Amino acid sequence: MVRATVTPNVLQWAMVRSGDPAALQQKFPKLADWMAGRASPSLKQMEEFAKASRVPVGFLFLKEPPEEHLPIADLRTFEGRGVQTPSPDLLDTLYLCQRRQAWYQEYAEETGEEPRDFVGSITLRTPPGKAAAQIGSVLSFAVADRKACPTSSDALRLGVLQCGARRETYYPVGRTCHLRKSGRKECGA
């Protein structure tokens, strides 16, 4: 049986990153021995641990834990403080959206789609009233049109279709909408 060499600090990082170290300790009874160097996990055990901790298996063989950075500006707060570490759910969602955006960009270029003039036309410095007016103008979507829609989701869908943009629909993470809900989870912490 092939045994894996892993460093305790990488295992500790994976446990913390998972958001539920106690569940990992329960699922992997020899985890404390792996961390203390008294035992080595098999390759199959490492693959199972990677899946349970939601860490790429290759990360577990690094000498030091990797530094994970959000690929977008991080404006999240929880209880009035900035959130220091992104949750696996948030990272998975961001990476999934980035893959979809890259796919769509390639598709749009291959099919000769024209760039949308409104993309990037509003910045953080744009006054909110002006931004709202600009969005309303692009969407050509009057209040009466929105009121005719049974739900806000229907109104959004219709507005996006009218301006010729692509609407990204996704569940919180991948294809699951059954995640545990807590304040920290909701903000990606």
N, C-alpha and C. Protein backbone atom coordinates (compact mmCIF):
# COMPACT_ATOMS: atom_id res chain seq x y z
N MET A 1 0.84 -1.18 0.00
CA MET A 1 0.00 0.00 0.00
C MET A 1 0.89 1.25 0.00
N VAL A 2 0.60 2.18 -0.89
CA VAL A 2 1.39 3.40 -1.00
C VAL A 2 0.99 4.37 0.10
N ARG A 3 1.99 4.84 0.84
CA ARG A 3 1.77 5.80 1.92
C ARG A 3 2.15 7.20 1.44
N ALA A 4 1.44 8.18 1.95
CA ALA A 4 1.67 9.57 1.54
C ALA A 4 2.42 10.33 2.63
N THR A 5 3.30 11.20 2.21
CA THR A 5 4.01 12.05 3.15
C THR A 5 3.36 13.42 3.12
N VAL A 6 2.82 13.82 4.24
CA VAL A 6 2.17 15.12 4.34
C VAL A 6 2.70 15.85 5.56
N THR A 7 2.72 17.18 5.47
CA THR A 7 3.21 17.96 6.60
C THR A 7 2.04 18.36 7.50
N PRO A 8 2.26 18.36 8.81
CA PRO A 8 1.18 18.69 9.75
C PRO A 8 0.55 20.07 9.49
N ASN A 9 1.38 21.04 9.12
CA ASN A 9 0.80 22.38 8.92
C ASN A 9 -0.12 22.44 7.71
N VAL A 10 0.12 21.62 6.70
CA VAL A 10 -0.79 21.57 5.55
C VAL A 10 -2.10 20.88 5.95
N LEU A 11 -2.00 19.81 6.74
CA LEU A 11 -3.21 19.15 7.22
C LEU A 11 -4.03 20.11 8.10
N GLN A 12 -3.34 20.84 8.96
CA GLN A 12 -4.02 21.81 9.83
C GLN A 12 -4.71 22.88 8.99
N TRP A 13 -4.02 23.37 7.97
CA TRP A 13 -4.61 24.38 7.07
C TRP A 13 -5.86 23.83 6.40
N ALA A 14 -5.80 22.58 5.91
CA ALA A 14 -6.95 21.98 5.24
C ALA A 14 -8.12 21.82 6.20
N MET A 15 -7.82 21.47 7.43
CA MET A 15 -8.88 21.32 8.43
C MET A 15 -9.58 22.65 8.69
N VAL A 16 -8.80 23.69 8.89
CA VAL A 16 -9.37 25.01 9.15
C VAL A 16 -10.13 25.50 7.93
N ARG A 17 -9.55 25.32 6.75
CA ARG A 17 -10.17 25.79 5.51
C ARG A 17 -11.52 25.11 5.28
N SER A 18 -11.64 23.86 5.72
CA SER A 18 -12.88 23.11 5.50
C SER A 18 -14.06 23.75 6.22
N GLY A 19 -13.78 24.49 7.29
CA GLY A 19 -14.85 25.10 8.07
C GLY A 19 -15.44 24.18 9.12
N ASP A 20 -15.03 22.91 9.14
CA ASP A 20 -15.58 21.96 10.10
C ASP A 20 -14.51 20.94 10.50
N PRO A 21 -13.47 21.39 11.24
CA PRO A 21 -12.39 20.47 11.64
C PRO A 21 -12.89 19.28 12.46
N ALA A 22 -13.91 19.49 13.28
CA ALA A 22 -14.40 18.40 14.12
C ALA A 22 -14.97 17.27 13.27
N ALA A 23 -15.67 17.61 12.20
CA ALA A 23 -16.22 16.58 11.32
C ALA A 23 -15.11 15.79 10.66
N LEU A 24 -14.02 16.46 10.29
CA LEU A 24 -12.89 15.75 9.68
C LEU A 24 -12.23 14.82 10.68
N GLN A 25 -12.08 15.28 11.93
CA GLN A 25 -11.48 14.42 12.95
C GLN A 25 -12.35 13.20 13.21
N GLN A 26 -13.65 13.38 13.13
CA GLN A 26 -14.56 12.24 13.34
C GLN A 26 -14.50 11.28 12.16
N LYS A 27 -14.44 11.82 10.95
CA LYS A 27 -14.43 10.98 9.76
C LYS A 27 -13.09 10.26 9.57
N PHE A 28 -12.00 10.88 10.04
CA PHE A 28 -10.66 10.31 9.89
C PHE A 28 -10.04 10.12 11.28
N PRO A 29 -10.32 8.98 11.92
CA PRO A 29 -9.87 8.75 13.29
C PRO A 29 -8.34 8.81 13.47
N LYS A 30 -7.59 8.55 12.42
CA LYS A 30 -6.12 8.58 12.53
C LYS A 30 -5.53 9.94 12.19
N LEU A 31 -6.38 10.95 12.01
CA LEU A 31 -5.90 12.27 11.64
C LEU A 31 -4.91 12.84 12.65
N ALA A 32 -5.18 12.66 13.93
CA ALA A 32 -4.26 13.15 14.96
C ALA A 32 -2.90 12.47 14.83
N ASP A 33 -2.90 11.18 14.50
CA ASP A 33 -1.64 10.45 14.31
C ASP A 33 -0.90 10.96 13.07
N TRP A 34 -1.64 11.28 12.00
CA TRP A 34 -1.01 11.82 10.80
C TRP A 34 -0.35 13.16 11.12
N MET A 35 -1.07 13.97 11.89
CA MET A 35 -0.55 15.31 12.20
C MET A 35 0.66 15.24 13.13
N ALA A 36 0.69 14.24 14.01
CA ALA A 36 1.80 14.09 14.94
C ALA A 36 2.97 13.34 14.31
N GLY A 37 2.78 12.79 13.11
CA GLY A 37 3.85 12.06 12.45
C GLY A 37 3.97 10.61 12.92
N ARG A 38 3.01 10.14 13.69
CA ARG A 38 3.05 8.76 14.20
C ARG A 38 2.57 7.76 13.16
N ALA A 39 1.85 8.25 12.15
CA ALA A 39 1.33 7.39 11.09
C ALA A 39 1.27 8.20 9.80
N SER A 40 1.26 7.48 8.69
CA SER A 40 1.13 8.13 7.38
C SER A 40 -0.13 7.62 6.71
N PRO A 41 -0.88 8.52 6.11
CA PRO A 41 -2.10 8.08 5.41
C PRO A 41 -1.75 7.39 4.10
N SER A 42 -2.64 6.55 3.66
CA SER A 42 -2.47 5.94 2.33
C SER A 42 -2.88 6.99 1.29
N LEU A 43 -2.54 6.74 0.05
CA LEU A 43 -2.92 7.66 -1.02
C LEU A 43 -4.45 7.75 -1.11
N LYS A 44 -5.13 6.62 -0.95
CA LYS A 44 -6.60 6.61 -0.99
C LYS A 44 -7.16 7.45 0.16
N GLN A 45 -6.57 7.34 1.35
CA GLN A 45 -7.02 8.13 2.48
C GLN A 45 -6.82 9.63 2.21
N MET A 46 -5.71 9.97 1.57
CA MET A 46 -5.45 11.38 1.25
C MET A 46 -6.46 11.90 0.24
N GLU A 47 -6.81 11.07 -0.72
CA GLU A 47 -7.82 11.48 -1.70
C GLU A 47 -9.17 11.69 -1.02
N GLU A 48 -9.51 10.81 -0.09
CA GLU A 48 -10.77 10.96 0.65
C GLU A 48 -10.74 12.20 1.55
N PHE A 49 -9.58 12.43 2.18
CA PHE A 49 -9.44 13.62 3.03
C PHE A 49 -9.54 14.89 2.19
N ALA A 50 -8.94 14.89 1.02
CA ALA A 50 -9.00 16.06 0.13
C ALA A 50 -10.45 16.34 -0.25
N LYS A 51 -11.18 15.30 -0.59
CA LYS A 51 -12.58 15.48 -0.97
C LYS A 51 -13.39 16.01 0.21
N ALA A 52 -13.19 15.43 1.39
CA ALA A 52 -13.95 15.85 2.57
C ALA A 52 -13.61 17.27 3.00
N SER A 53 -12.36 17.67 2.83
CA SER A 53 -11.95 19.01 3.24
C SER A 53 -12.08 20.04 2.12
N ARG A 54 -12.47 19.56 0.93
CA ARG A 54 -12.67 20.41 -0.25
C ARG A 54 -11.38 21.16 -0.62
N VAL A 55 -10.32 20.40 -0.64
CA VAL A 55 -9.00 20.90 -1.01
C VAL A 55 -8.50 20.06 -2.17
N PRO A 56 -7.92 20.66 -3.20
CA PRO A 56 -7.33 19.83 -4.26
C PRO A 56 -6.28 18.89 -3.66
N VAL A 57 -6.32 17.64 -4.05
CA VAL A 57 -5.44 16.64 -3.44
C VAL A 57 -3.97 17.02 -3.57
N GLY A 58 -3.60 17.65 -4.67
CA GLY A 58 -2.21 18.05 -4.85
C GLY A 58 -1.73 19.04 -3.80
N PHE A 59 -2.63 19.87 -3.27
CA PHE A 59 -2.26 20.85 -2.24
C PHE A 59 -1.77 20.14 -0.98
N LEU A 60 -2.28 18.94 -0.72
CA LEU A 60 -1.93 18.24 0.51
C LEU A 60 -0.48 17.74 0.50
N PHE A 61 0.15 17.74 -0.67
CA PHE A 61 1.53 17.27 -0.75
C PHE A 61 2.54 18.42 -0.76
N LEU A 62 2.04 19.64 -0.60
CA LEU A 62 2.94 20.80 -0.53
C LEU A 62 3.65 20.81 0.82
N LYS A 63 4.81 21.46 0.87
CA LYS A 63 5.54 21.57 2.13
C LYS A 63 4.91 22.61 3.05
N GLU A 64 4.32 23.64 2.44
CA GLU A 64 3.66 24.72 3.18
C GLU A 64 2.26 24.92 2.61
N PRO A 65 1.32 25.34 3.43
CA PRO A 65 -0.03 25.62 2.90
C PRO A 65 0.03 26.75 1.87
N PRO A 66 -0.78 26.65 0.82
CA PRO A 66 -0.78 27.72 -0.18
C PRO A 66 -1.51 28.95 0.36
N GLU A 67 -1.16 30.10 -0.18
CA GLU A 67 -1.89 31.32 0.15
C GLU A 67 -2.99 31.48 -0.88
N GLU A 68 -4.22 31.49 -0.43
CA GLU A 68 -5.34 31.64 -1.34
C GLU A 68 -5.83 33.09 -1.30
N HIS A 69 -5.91 33.69 -2.46
CA HIS A 69 -6.37 35.06 -2.56
C HIS A 69 -7.64 35.08 -3.39
N LEU A 70 -8.57 35.93 -3.00
CA LEU A 70 -9.78 36.08 -3.80
C LEU A 70 -9.41 36.71 -5.13
N PRO A 71 -9.99 36.21 -6.20
CA PRO A 71 -9.67 36.74 -7.53
C PRO A 71 -10.44 38.02 -7.86
N ILE A 72 -11.15 38.57 -6.88
CA ILE A 72 -11.89 39.82 -7.05
C ILE A 72 -11.67 40.67 -5.81
N ALA A 73 -12.08 41.93 -5.88
CA ALA A 73 -11.98 42.81 -4.71
C ALA A 73 -12.82 42.22 -3.58
N ASP A 74 -12.31 42.26 -2.38
CA ASP A 74 -12.98 41.67 -1.23
C ASP A 74 -13.59 42.77 -0.37
N LEU A 75 -14.90 42.95 -0.49
CA LEU A 75 -15.60 43.99 0.26
C LEU A 75 -16.51 43.40 1.33
N ARG A 76 -16.31 42.13 1.66
CA ARG A 76 -17.18 41.47 2.62
C ARG A 76 -16.89 41.92 4.05
N THR A 77 -17.94 41.95 4.86
CA THR A 77 -17.78 42.19 6.29
C THR A 77 -18.65 41.21 7.04
N PHE A 78 -18.27 40.93 8.27
CA PHE A 78 -19.07 40.11 9.16
C PHE A 78 -18.95 40.71 10.55
N GLU A 79 -20.09 41.06 11.12
CA GLU A 79 -20.12 41.70 12.43
C GLU A 79 -19.22 42.93 12.47
N GLY A 80 -19.27 43.72 11.39
CA GLY A 80 -18.55 44.99 11.35
C GLY A 80 -17.07 44.90 11.04
N ARG A 81 -16.56 43.72 10.81
CA ARG A 81 -15.13 43.56 10.51
C ARG A 81 -14.96 42.92 9.15
N GLY A 82 -13.84 43.20 8.52
CA GLY A 82 -13.53 42.56 7.25
C GLY A 82 -13.31 41.07 7.45
N VAL A 83 -13.71 40.27 6.48
CA VAL A 83 -13.53 38.82 6.55
C VAL A 83 -12.13 38.49 6.04
N GLN A 84 -11.38 37.76 6.85
CA GLN A 84 -9.99 37.49 6.52
C GLN A 84 -9.78 36.34 5.55
N THR A 85 -10.57 35.28 5.71
CA THR A 85 -10.34 34.07 4.93
C THR A 85 -11.59 33.70 4.14
N PRO A 86 -11.44 33.51 2.84
CA PRO A 86 -12.61 33.09 2.06
C PRO A 86 -12.97 31.64 2.36
N SER A 87 -14.25 31.36 2.38
CA SER A 87 -14.70 29.98 2.63
C SER A 87 -14.54 29.16 1.35
N PRO A 88 -14.50 27.84 1.49
CA PRO A 88 -14.45 27.00 0.29
C PRO A 88 -15.65 27.25 -0.63
N ASP A 89 -16.83 27.50 -0.03
CA ASP A 89 -18.01 27.77 -0.85
C ASP A 89 -17.82 29.02 -1.70
N LEU A 90 -17.30 30.08 -1.10
CA LEU A 90 -17.08 31.32 -1.84
C LEU A 90 -16.05 31.11 -2.95
N LEU A 91 -14.94 30.47 -2.62
CA LEU A 91 -13.91 30.23 -3.63
C LEU A 91 -14.44 29.37 -4.77
N ASP A 92 -15.17 28.31 -4.44
CA ASP A 92 -15.74 27.45 -5.49
C ASP A 92 -16.68 28.24 -6.40
N THR A 93 -17.50 29.09 -5.80
CA THR A 93 -18.44 29.90 -6.59
C THR A 93 -17.70 30.87 -7.50
N LEU A 94 -16.70 31.54 -6.96
CA LEU A 94 -15.94 32.50 -7.78
C LEU A 94 -15.21 31.80 -8.92
N TYR A 95 -14.57 30.68 -8.63
CA TYR A 95 -13.84 29.97 -9.68
C TYR A 95 -14.79 29.45 -10.75
N LEU A 96 -15.97 28.97 -10.33
CA LEU A 96 -16.96 28.51 -11.28
C LEU A 96 -17.42 29.66 -12.19
N CYS A 97 -17.70 30.80 -11.59
CA CYS A 97 -18.12 31.96 -12.39
C CYS A 97 -17.02 32.41 -13.35
N GLN A 98 -15.77 32.38 -12.89
CA GLN A 98 -14.66 32.75 -13.78
C GLN A 98 -14.53 31.80 -14.95
N ARG A 99 -14.69 30.51 -14.70
CA ARG A 99 -14.64 29.54 -15.81
C ARG A 99 -15.76 29.79 -16.80
N ARG A 100 -16.95 30.07 -16.29
CA ARG A 100 -18.08 30.35 -17.18
C ARG A 100 -17.87 31.64 -17.96
N GLN A 101 -17.33 32.65 -17.32
CA GLN A 101 -17.06 33.91 -18.03
C GLN A 101 -16.03 33.70 -19.13
N ALA A 102 -14.98 32.95 -18.82
CA ALA A 102 -13.95 32.68 -19.83
C ALA A 102 -14.55 31.92 -21.01
N TRP A 103 -15.40 30.92 -20.70
CA TRP A 103 -16.05 30.17 -21.77
C TRP A 103 -16.90 31.12 -22.62
N TYR A 104 -17.68 31.97 -21.98
CA TYR A 104 -18.58 32.83 -22.74
C TYR A 104 -17.80 33.87 -23.55
N GLN A 105 -16.72 34.36 -23.00
CA GLN A 105 -15.91 35.32 -23.75
C GLN A 105 -15.38 34.68 -25.03
N GLU A 106 -14.87 33.46 -24.90
CA GLU A 106 -14.38 32.74 -26.08
C GLU A 106 -15.51 32.50 -27.08
N TYR A 107 -16.66 32.08 -26.58
CA TYR A 107 -17.82 31.82 -27.42
C TYR A 107 -18.24 33.11 -28.15
N ALA A 108 -18.32 34.21 -27.42
CA ALA A 108 -18.75 35.48 -28.02
C ALA A 108 -17.77 35.92 -29.10
N GLU A 109 -16.49 35.74 -28.86
CA GLU A 109 -15.49 36.12 -29.86
C GLU A 109 -15.59 35.24 -31.10
N GLU A 110 -15.77 33.93 -30.89
CA GLU A 110 -15.87 33.00 -32.02
C GLU A 110 -17.12 33.23 -32.87
N THR A 111 -18.21 33.66 -32.24
CA THR A 111 -19.45 33.87 -32.98
C THR A 111 -19.62 35.31 -33.46
N GLY A 112 -18.62 36.14 -33.20
CA GLY A 112 -18.64 37.52 -33.70
C GLY A 112 -19.59 38.45 -32.98
N GLU A 113 -19.91 38.14 -31.74
CA GLU A 113 -20.77 39.04 -30.97
C GLU A 113 -20.08 40.38 -30.78
N GLU A 114 -20.84 41.43 -30.87
CA GLU A 114 -20.31 42.77 -30.64
C GLU A 114 -20.23 43.03 -29.14
N PRO A 115 -19.18 43.74 -28.69
CA PRO A 115 -19.11 44.09 -27.27
C PRO A 115 -20.30 44.98 -26.88
N ARG A 116 -20.76 44.85 -25.68
CA ARG A 116 -21.85 45.67 -25.16
C ARG A 116 -21.28 47.00 -24.66
N ASP A 117 -21.82 48.10 -25.16
CA ASP A 117 -21.32 49.42 -24.80
C ASP A 117 -21.42 49.71 -23.31
N PHE A 118 -22.41 49.16 -22.64
CA PHE A 118 -22.64 49.50 -21.25
C PHE A 118 -21.68 48.80 -20.29
N VAL A 119 -21.03 47.74 -20.73
CA VAL A 119 -20.12 47.02 -19.85
C VAL A 119 -18.94 47.93 -19.49
N GLY A 120 -18.74 48.12 -18.20
CA GLY A 120 -17.65 48.96 -17.72
C GLY A 120 -17.96 50.45 -17.75
N SER A 121 -19.19 50.83 -18.07
CA SER A 121 -19.52 52.26 -18.18
C SER A 121 -19.82 52.91 -16.83
N ILE A 122 -20.00 52.12 -15.80
CA ILE A 122 -20.27 52.64 -14.46
C ILE A 122 -19.11 52.21 -13.55
N THR A 123 -18.63 53.15 -12.77
CA THR A 123 -17.53 52.86 -11.84
C THR A 123 -18.00 53.11 -10.42
N LEU A 124 -17.14 52.85 -9.45
CA LEU A 124 -17.47 53.12 -8.06
C LEU A 124 -17.64 54.62 -7.80
N ARG A 125 -17.09 55.45 -8.69
CA ARG A 125 -17.21 56.90 -8.54
C ARG A 125 -18.51 57.46 -9.15
N THR A 126 -19.23 56.65 -9.90
CA THR A 126 -20.48 57.10 -10.51
C THR A 126 -21.52 57.30 -9.41
N PRO A 127 -22.13 58.50 -9.33
CA PRO A 127 -23.17 58.71 -8.32
C PRO A 127 -24.32 57.71 -8.51
N PRO A 128 -24.88 57.19 -7.41
CA PRO A 128 -25.93 56.17 -7.51
C PRO A 128 -27.10 56.57 -8.40
N GLY A 129 -27.56 57.80 -8.31
CA GLY A 129 -28.69 58.24 -9.14
C GLY A 129 -28.36 58.18 -10.62
N LYS A 130 -27.14 58.61 -10.95
CA LYS A 130 -26.71 58.57 -12.34
C LYS A 130 -26.56 57.12 -12.82
N ALA A 131 -26.02 56.27 -11.96
CA ALA A 131 -25.86 54.86 -12.32
C ALA A 131 -27.23 54.22 -12.58
N ALA A 132 -28.20 54.50 -11.71
CA ALA A 132 -29.54 53.94 -11.88
C ALA A 132 -30.17 54.42 -13.18
N ALA A 133 -29.99 55.71 -13.49
CA ALA A 133 -30.56 56.26 -14.73
C ALA A 133 -29.91 55.60 -15.95
N GLN A 134 -28.59 55.40 -15.88
CA GLN A 134 -27.87 54.77 -16.99
C GLN A 134 -28.35 53.34 -17.21
N ILE A 135 -28.49 52.61 -16.11
CA ILE A 135 -28.95 51.22 -16.21
C ILE A 135 -30.36 51.18 -16.78
N GLY A 136 -31.23 52.07 -16.28
CA GLY A 136 -32.60 52.12 -16.80
C GLY A 136 -32.63 52.43 -18.28
N SER A 137 -31.74 53.32 -18.72
CA SER A 137 -31.69 53.69 -20.13
C SER A 137 -31.24 52.50 -20.99
N VAL A 138 -30.22 51.79 -20.53
CA VAL A 138 -29.71 50.64 -21.28
C VAL A 138 -30.78 49.55 -21.38
N LEU A 139 -31.46 49.31 -20.27
CA LEU A 139 -32.46 48.25 -20.25
C LEU A 139 -33.74 48.63 -20.98
N SER A 140 -33.99 49.92 -21.16
CA SER A 140 -35.26 50.37 -21.76
C SER A 140 -36.40 49.64 -21.08
N PHE A 141 -36.41 49.72 -19.79
CA PHE A 141 -37.28 48.87 -18.98
C PHE A 141 -38.00 49.75 -17.97
N ALA A 142 -39.19 50.20 -18.33
CA ALA A 142 -39.96 51.12 -17.51
C ALA A 142 -40.55 50.43 -16.28
N VAL A 143 -40.94 51.25 -15.31
CA VAL A 143 -41.56 50.73 -14.09
C VAL A 143 -42.79 49.89 -14.44
N ALA A 144 -43.57 50.33 -15.40
CA ALA A 144 -44.77 49.58 -15.80
C ALA A 144 -44.41 48.19 -16.31
N ASP A 145 -43.29 48.09 -17.04
CA ASP A 145 -42.84 46.78 -17.53
C ASP A 145 -42.49 45.87 -16.35
N ARG A 146 -41.79 46.43 -15.38
CA ARG A 146 -41.38 45.64 -14.22
C ARG A 146 -42.59 45.20 -13.41
N LYS A 147 -43.58 46.08 -13.27
CA LYS A 147 -44.78 45.74 -12.50
C LYS A 147 -45.58 44.64 -13.17
N ALA A 148 -45.46 44.51 -14.47
CA ALA A 148 -46.20 43.47 -15.19
C ALA A 148 -45.61 42.08 -14.95
N CYS A 149 -44.42 42.02 -14.41
CA CYS A 149 -43.79 40.73 -14.13
C CYS A 149 -44.24 40.22 -12.77
N PRO A 150 -44.55 38.92 -12.67
CA PRO A 150 -45.05 38.38 -11.39
C PRO A 150 -44.02 38.39 -10.26
N THR A 151 -42.74 38.25 -10.59
CA THR A 151 -41.71 38.22 -9.54
C THR A 151 -40.55 39.11 -9.95
N SER A 152 -39.71 39.45 -8.97
CA SER A 152 -38.52 40.25 -9.27
C SER A 152 -37.55 39.47 -10.16
N SER A 153 -37.52 38.15 -10.00
CA SER A 153 -36.66 37.32 -10.86
C SER A 153 -37.12 37.39 -12.31
N ASP A 154 -38.44 37.37 -12.51
CA ASP A 154 -38.97 37.49 -13.87
C ASP A 154 -38.63 38.85 -14.47
N ALA A 155 -38.71 39.89 -13.64
CA ALA A 155 -38.39 41.24 -14.11
C ALA A 155 -36.91 41.32 -14.51
N LEU A 156 -36.04 40.76 -13.70
CA LEU A 156 -34.62 40.75 -14.01
C LEU A 156 -34.36 39.99 -15.30
N ARG A 157 -34.95 38.83 -15.43
CA ARG A 157 -34.77 38.00 -16.63
C ARG A 157 -35.20 38.77 -17.88
N LEU A 158 -36.36 39.42 -17.81
CA LEU A 158 -36.87 40.17 -18.96
C LEU A 158 -35.96 41.36 -19.28
N GLY A 159 -35.49 42.06 -18.26
CA GLY A 159 -34.60 43.20 -18.48
C GLY A 159 -33.30 42.80 -19.14
N VAL A 160 -32.74 41.70 -18.68
CA VAL A 160 -31.48 41.22 -19.24
C VAL A 160 -31.68 40.80 -20.70
N LEU A 161 -32.77 40.12 -20.97
CA LEU A 161 -33.05 39.70 -22.34
C LEU A 161 -33.25 40.90 -23.26
N GLN A 162 -33.90 41.94 -22.77
CA GLN A 162 -34.17 43.11 -23.60
C GLN A 162 -32.89 43.85 -23.99
N CYS A 163 -31.87 43.81 -23.13
CA CYS A 163 -30.64 44.54 -23.48
C CYS A 163 -29.64 43.66 -24.22
N GLY A 164 -29.98 42.39 -24.44
CA GLY A 164 -29.13 41.50 -25.23
C GLY A 164 -27.95 40.93 -24.47
N ALA A 165 -27.99 41.01 -23.16
CA ALA A 165 -26.89 40.47 -22.36
C ALA A 165 -27.16 39.01 -22.01
N ARG A 166 -26.16 38.37 -21.45
CA ARG A 166 -26.30 36.99 -21.01
C ARG A 166 -26.45 37.01 -19.50
N ARG A 167 -27.42 36.29 -19.00
CA ARG A 167 -27.68 36.23 -17.57
C ARG A 167 -27.08 34.96 -17.02
N GLU A 168 -26.29 35.07 -15.99
CA GLU A 168 -25.67 33.92 -15.34
C GLU A 168 -26.60 33.43 -14.24
N THR A 169 -27.04 32.21 -14.33
CA THR A 169 -27.88 31.63 -13.29
C THR A 169 -27.08 30.52 -12.64
N TYR A 170 -26.98 30.56 -11.33
CA TYR A 170 -26.23 29.52 -10.64
C TYR A 170 -26.78 29.33 -9.25
N TYR A 171 -26.54 28.17 -8.71
CA TYR A 171 -26.84 27.90 -7.32
C TYR A 171 -25.66 28.41 -6.51
N PRO A 172 -25.81 28.49 -5.19
CA PRO A 172 -24.72 29.04 -4.39
C PRO A 172 -23.35 28.44 -4.69
N VAL A 173 -23.27 27.12 -4.80
CA VAL A 173 -22.00 26.50 -5.14
C VAL A 173 -22.27 25.36 -6.10
N GLY A 174 -21.78 25.52 -7.32
CA GLY A 174 -21.96 24.47 -8.31
C GLY A 174 -23.42 24.21 -8.57
N ARG A 175 -23.86 23.01 -8.32
CA ARG A 175 -25.25 22.65 -8.60
C ARG A 175 -26.04 22.35 -7.33
N THR A 176 -25.54 22.78 -6.18
CA THR A 176 -26.26 22.50 -4.95
C THR A 176 -26.83 23.78 -4.36
N CYS A 177 -28.03 23.71 -3.88
CA CYS A 177 -28.62 24.85 -3.18
C CYS A 177 -28.98 24.44 -1.76
N HIS A 178 -28.34 23.37 -1.27
CA HIS A 178 -28.65 22.86 0.05
C HIS A 178 -27.44 22.97 0.98
N LEU A 179 -26.91 24.18 1.11
CA LEU A 179 -25.78 24.39 2.00
C LEU A 179 -26.28 24.78 3.37
N ARG A 180 -25.47 24.52 4.38
CA ARG A 180 -25.82 24.98 5.72
C ARG A 180 -25.86 26.50 5.71
N LYS A 181 -26.81 27.06 6.40
CA LYS A 181 -26.92 28.52 6.42
C LYS A 181 -26.51 29.04 7.78
N SER A 182 -25.62 29.99 7.78
CA SER A 182 -25.22 30.71 8.98
C SER A 182 -24.76 32.07 8.50
N GLY A 183 -24.68 33.01 9.41
CA GLY A 183 -24.25 34.34 9.01
C GLY A 183 -22.89 34.31 8.34
N ARG A 184 -21.96 33.54 8.88
CA ARG A 184 -20.62 33.50 8.31
C ARG A 184 -20.64 32.85 6.94
N LYS A 185 -21.44 31.79 6.77
CA LYS A 185 -21.52 31.11 5.48
C LYS A 185 -22.13 32.04 4.43
N GLU A 186 -23.14 32.80 4.83
CA GLU A 186 -23.84 33.66 3.87
C GLU A 186 -22.90 34.71 3.29
N CYS A 187 -21.91 35.16 4.06
CA CYS A 187 -21.02 36.20 3.55
C CYS A 187 -19.71 35.62 3.05
N GLY A 188 -19.62 34.31 2.94
CA GLY A 188 -18.42 33.68 2.39
C GLY A 188 -17.30 33.57 3.38
N ALA A 189 -17.61 33.65 4.67
CA ALA A 189 -16.56 33.58 5.69
C ALA A 189 -16.40 32.17 6.18
